[in-house]
Amino acid sequence: MDDAQAFGVFYDRYEGALLGFLRRATGRADLAADLTAEVFAVALASLPAFRSDLGSARAWLFGIARHELAQSWRRGRVEAQARRRLGMEPMMLSDEDLERIDELGARAPLDSLALLDALPAQQRAAVRGRVIDGRDYEDLAREFDCSELVVRQRVSRGLRALRSLTGYAR
């Protein structure tokens, strides 16, 4: 399988989840579609920088999505820089396309355990250890060979990122 085919499989695997997440986060199907296109364009352009040892492809993609979403909120618009750099044509959405995106956004959000995959490995391990397994910070600090303060920061940042992914932190 060549790189273009592999990216096509990646796109097919995550398009619906990403559209649904962005629809819930923005409240608008058209913005969700615009952001989804930009997120995949950024992912394609930065593919050489992807490091699987730092987390899953899903985590990487949703990290890009969180960043693009935050940027769009700050600027009050969705950028199209990556799409322009790649020479992508502007999208034309039909009413049916917008209805499909609304349906994706109306579905139940991803369960919390699936969302953990979107976190960087150290945050994911800290959140899982503290919140899911109920371990204390001292125990986790010994396991991770770091201070309790570092573990607390990882848990805090991980939970903040999860709130962002679910649309509860605006």
Protein backbone atom coordinates (compact mmCIF):
# COMPACT_ATOMS: atom_id res chain seq x y z
CA MET A 1 0.00 0.00 0.00
CA ASP A 2 1.46 3.40 -0.93
CA ASP A 3 1.36 6.54 1.23
CA ALA A 4 -1.69 7.99 -0.54
CA GLN A 5 -3.67 4.79 -0.02
CA ALA A 6 -2.57 4.56 3.61
CA PHE A 7 -3.66 8.14 4.26
CA GLY A 8 -6.98 7.35 2.56
CA VAL A 9 -7.53 4.45 4.96
CA PHE A 10 -6.59 6.73 7.87
CA TYR A 11 -9.06 9.36 6.63
CA ASP A 12 -11.86 6.82 6.20
CA ARG A 13 -11.23 5.43 9.70
CA TYR A 14 -11.38 8.77 11.53
CA GLU A 15 -13.50 11.11 9.38
CA GLY A 16 -16.82 10.32 11.10
CA ALA A 17 -15.45 10.52 14.64
CA LEU A 18 -13.66 13.77 13.89
CA LEU A 19 -16.69 15.33 12.18
CA GLY A 20 -18.90 14.31 15.10
CA PHE A 21 -16.48 15.70 17.67
CA LEU A 22 -16.10 19.00 15.81
CA ARG A 23 -19.86 19.26 15.22
CA ARG A 24 -20.49 18.91 18.95
CA ALA A 25 -17.71 21.37 19.75
CA THR A 26 -18.81 24.08 17.30
CA GLY A 27 -22.55 23.53 17.20
CA ARG A 28 -22.52 23.96 13.42
CA ALA A 29 -22.20 21.39 10.66
CA ASP A 30 -20.56 23.79 8.19
CA LEU A 31 -17.85 24.80 10.66
CA ALA A 32 -17.27 21.17 11.60
CA ALA A 33 -16.76 20.26 7.94
CA ASP A 34 -14.42 23.21 7.40
CA LEU A 35 -12.37 22.35 10.48
CA THR A 36 -12.27 18.66 9.58
CA ALA A 37 -10.87 19.48 6.16
CA GLU A 38 -8.22 21.72 7.71
CA VAL A 39 -7.31 19.13 10.35
CA PHE A 40 -6.77 16.43 7.73
CA ALA A 41 -4.78 18.86 5.57
CA VAL A 42 -2.55 19.74 8.53
CA ALA A 43 -2.16 16.02 9.30
CA LEU A 44 -1.20 15.25 5.72
CA ALA A 45 1.29 18.13 5.59
CA SER A 46 2.87 17.16 8.90
CA LEU A 47 2.85 13.40 8.35
CA PRO A 48 6.67 13.18 8.28
CA ALA A 49 6.72 14.59 11.83
CA PHE A 50 4.33 11.94 13.24
CA ARG A 51 5.99 9.78 15.88
CA SER A 52 4.10 6.65 16.83
CA ASP A 53 6.27 6.25 19.94
CA LEU A 54 4.61 9.38 21.40
CA GLY A 55 1.04 8.15 20.96
CA SER A 56 -1.49 6.70 18.59
CA ALA A 57 -2.41 8.16 15.22
CA ARG A 58 -5.86 8.90 16.65
CA ALA A 59 -4.33 10.87 19.53
CA TRP A 60 -2.17 12.80 17.08
CA LEU A 61 -5.15 13.61 14.84
CA PHE A 62 -7.37 14.71 17.72
CA GLY A 63 -4.48 16.77 19.10
CA ILE A 64 -4.35 18.59 15.78
CA ALA A 65 -8.14 18.98 15.95
CA ARG A 66 -7.98 20.49 19.45
CA HIS A 67 -5.32 22.91 18.29
CA GLU A 68 -7.23 23.95 15.16
CA LEU A 69 -10.45 24.31 17.16
CA ALA A 70 -8.74 26.51 19.74
CA GLN A 71 -7.17 28.60 16.98
CA SER A 72 -10.54 29.07 15.29
CA TRP A 73 -12.11 30.19 18.57
CA ARG A 74 -9.28 32.69 19.16
CA ARG A 75 -9.39 34.09 15.64
CA GLY A 76 -13.14 33.89 15.20
CA ARG A 77 -12.74 31.96 11.94
CA VAL A 78 -11.43 28.71 10.49
CA GLU A 79 -8.10 29.03 8.75
CA ALA A 80 -7.42 27.31 5.45
CA GLN A 81 -3.63 27.68 5.37
CA ALA A 82 -2.81 23.98 5.16
CA ARG A 83 -5.43 23.41 2.47
CA ARG A 84 -4.07 26.31 0.41
CA ARG A 85 -0.48 25.03 0.78
CA LEU A 86 -1.62 21.62 -0.48
CA GLY A 87 -3.61 23.19 -3.34
CA MET A 88 -6.92 21.77 -2.15
CA GLU A 89 -10.08 23.13 -3.73
CA PRO A 90 -12.71 24.74 -1.48
CA MET A 91 -15.46 22.35 -0.39
CA MET A 92 -19.02 22.64 -1.54
CA LEU A 93 -21.45 21.04 0.89
CA SER A 94 -24.95 19.97 -0.04
CA ASP A 95 -27.89 20.03 2.36
CA GLU A 96 -27.53 16.25 2.61
CA ASP A 97 -23.88 16.63 3.62
CA LEU A 98 -24.81 19.08 6.37
CA GLU A 99 -27.59 16.77 7.60
CA ARG A 100 -25.13 13.86 7.77
CA ILE A 101 -22.73 15.95 9.83
CA ASP A 102 -25.56 17.00 12.15
CA GLU A 103 -26.41 13.31 12.62
CA LEU A 104 -22.79 12.52 13.48
CA GLY A 105 -22.80 15.32 16.04
CA ALA A 106 -26.06 14.09 17.55
CA ARG A 107 -24.69 10.62 18.21
CA ALA A 108 -23.45 9.91 21.67
CA PRO A 109 -19.93 11.22 22.16
CA LEU A 110 -17.06 8.76 22.25
CA ASP A 111 -16.82 6.98 25.57
CA SER A 112 -14.25 8.27 28.03
CA LEU A 113 -11.96 5.28 27.72
CA ALA A 114 -11.76 5.74 23.95
CA LEU A 115 -10.99 9.43 24.49
CA LEU A 116 -7.99 8.48 26.62
CA ASP A 117 -6.30 7.37 23.40
CA ALA A 118 -6.27 11.00 22.30
CA LEU A 119 -3.96 11.97 25.16
CA PRO A 120 -0.16 11.91 25.05
CA ALA A 121 1.20 8.70 26.58
CA GLN A 122 2.38 10.23 29.88
CA GLN A 123 -0.91 12.04 30.48
CA ARG A 124 -2.89 8.95 29.51
CA ALA A 125 -0.96 6.78 31.99
CA ALA A 126 -1.34 9.36 34.78
CA VAL A 127 -5.08 9.84 34.22
CA ARG A 128 -5.66 6.10 33.94
CA GLY A 129 -3.65 5.43 37.11
CA ARG A 130 -5.22 8.18 39.21
CA VAL A 131 -8.80 8.41 37.94
CA ILE A 132 -9.60 4.94 36.64
CA ASP A 133 -7.41 2.78 38.87
CA GLY A 134 -7.71 5.10 41.91
CA ARG A 135 -4.01 4.98 42.74
CA ASP A 136 -2.44 7.70 44.88
CA TYR A 137 0.01 10.27 43.53
CA GLU A 138 2.92 8.95 45.59
CA ASP A 139 2.54 5.46 44.12
CA LEU A 140 2.30 6.82 40.57
CA ALA A 141 5.33 9.06 41.10
CA ARG A 142 7.39 6.01 42.09
CA GLU A 143 6.18 4.08 39.04
CA PHE A 144 6.84 6.96 36.63
CA ASP A 145 10.13 7.88 38.33
CA CYS A 146 9.16 11.51 38.82
CA SER A 147 7.81 13.80 41.54
CA GLU A 148 4.23 13.82 42.80
CA LEU A 149 3.94 17.36 41.45
CA VAL A 150 4.74 16.13 37.93
CA VAL A 151 2.11 13.38 38.24
CA ARG A 152 -0.45 15.94 39.46
CA GLN A 153 0.35 18.16 36.46
CA ARG A 154 -0.03 15.26 34.03
CA VAL A 155 -3.39 14.30 35.53
CA SER A 156 -4.58 17.92 35.51
CA ARG A 157 -3.49 18.52 31.92
CA GLY A 158 -4.94 15.19 30.81
CA LEU A 159 -8.32 15.93 32.40
CA ARG A 160 -8.33 19.42 30.89
CA ALA A 161 -7.61 17.93 27.45
CA LEU A 162 -10.42 15.38 27.92
CA ARG A 163 -12.84 18.18 28.83
CA SER A 164 -11.74 19.99 25.70
CA LEU A 165 -12.28 16.88 23.56
CA THR A 166 -15.80 16.44 24.88
CA GLY A 167 -16.70 20.08 24.37
CA TYR A 168 -17.21 20.81 28.08
CA ALA A 169 -14.37 23.34 28.34
CA ARG A 170 -14.85 26.42 26.26
